[in-house]
């Protein structure tokens, strides 16, 4: 019986240590990651955070807080607190970032969940979208997506097969799903009605696929942080 997976897993990563990822930029951790935008920041600068050694502090019997290494070229101190319910399996994750530079910076939170490619991404399309088709291609806009894309009742459906594509919508509903191998991932997230999403081409809900992996990428508004501001 074949094992069905909805989260991308690369067996080549089995047994790898932090130093292995730091030594090879092209190696992507599987599963997913919490990231920080904007995307215009070079990838190797992101590596200093999610491929660095974090400090950990136990804050209660059911919670732990981890903090990224500083200083770093991203100019921020990221902290995450993981809180496990004492009465069940619910896990709450609180994330914050602090400007660790001496000048103002612009940053946003960026979730990136990796799934095997070949499934169907579904995202809501806003009737009042500022985009002509209700969605925006965010990489090569000459790519023909007509054979992989359909829309039904305010939703966009996309078959994530090659070639590489990145696409987003500016919907304010805050949800997206991915159907792969008869398994479904549903994501729900807050959208700030007055939030600044200009760093993501006004998109609030984004996905990327290269024919191997599909990334589900909800984003937060961009925040301007003063020195030491959280």
Foldseek 3Di string as FASTA:
>chain_A
DDDDDFWDDDPVCPPDDLVVCLVDVVDDDTFWDKFKDDPVPDPNQRCQFPSHDWDKDAPDPFKIKIWTDDDGPVQKIKMKMWGADPVDGDIDIDIDIWRADQFKDKMWIKIKGKGFAFWKKKDFFDPPFPDPVSKDWDDPPVDDQVVAWDDDDRMIIGRQADAKTKMFGLDQQAWMWIADPNDIDIGGDHADPPAAPVSVVNGQWMWIHHRGIIITMGMYGMDIHHHRRD
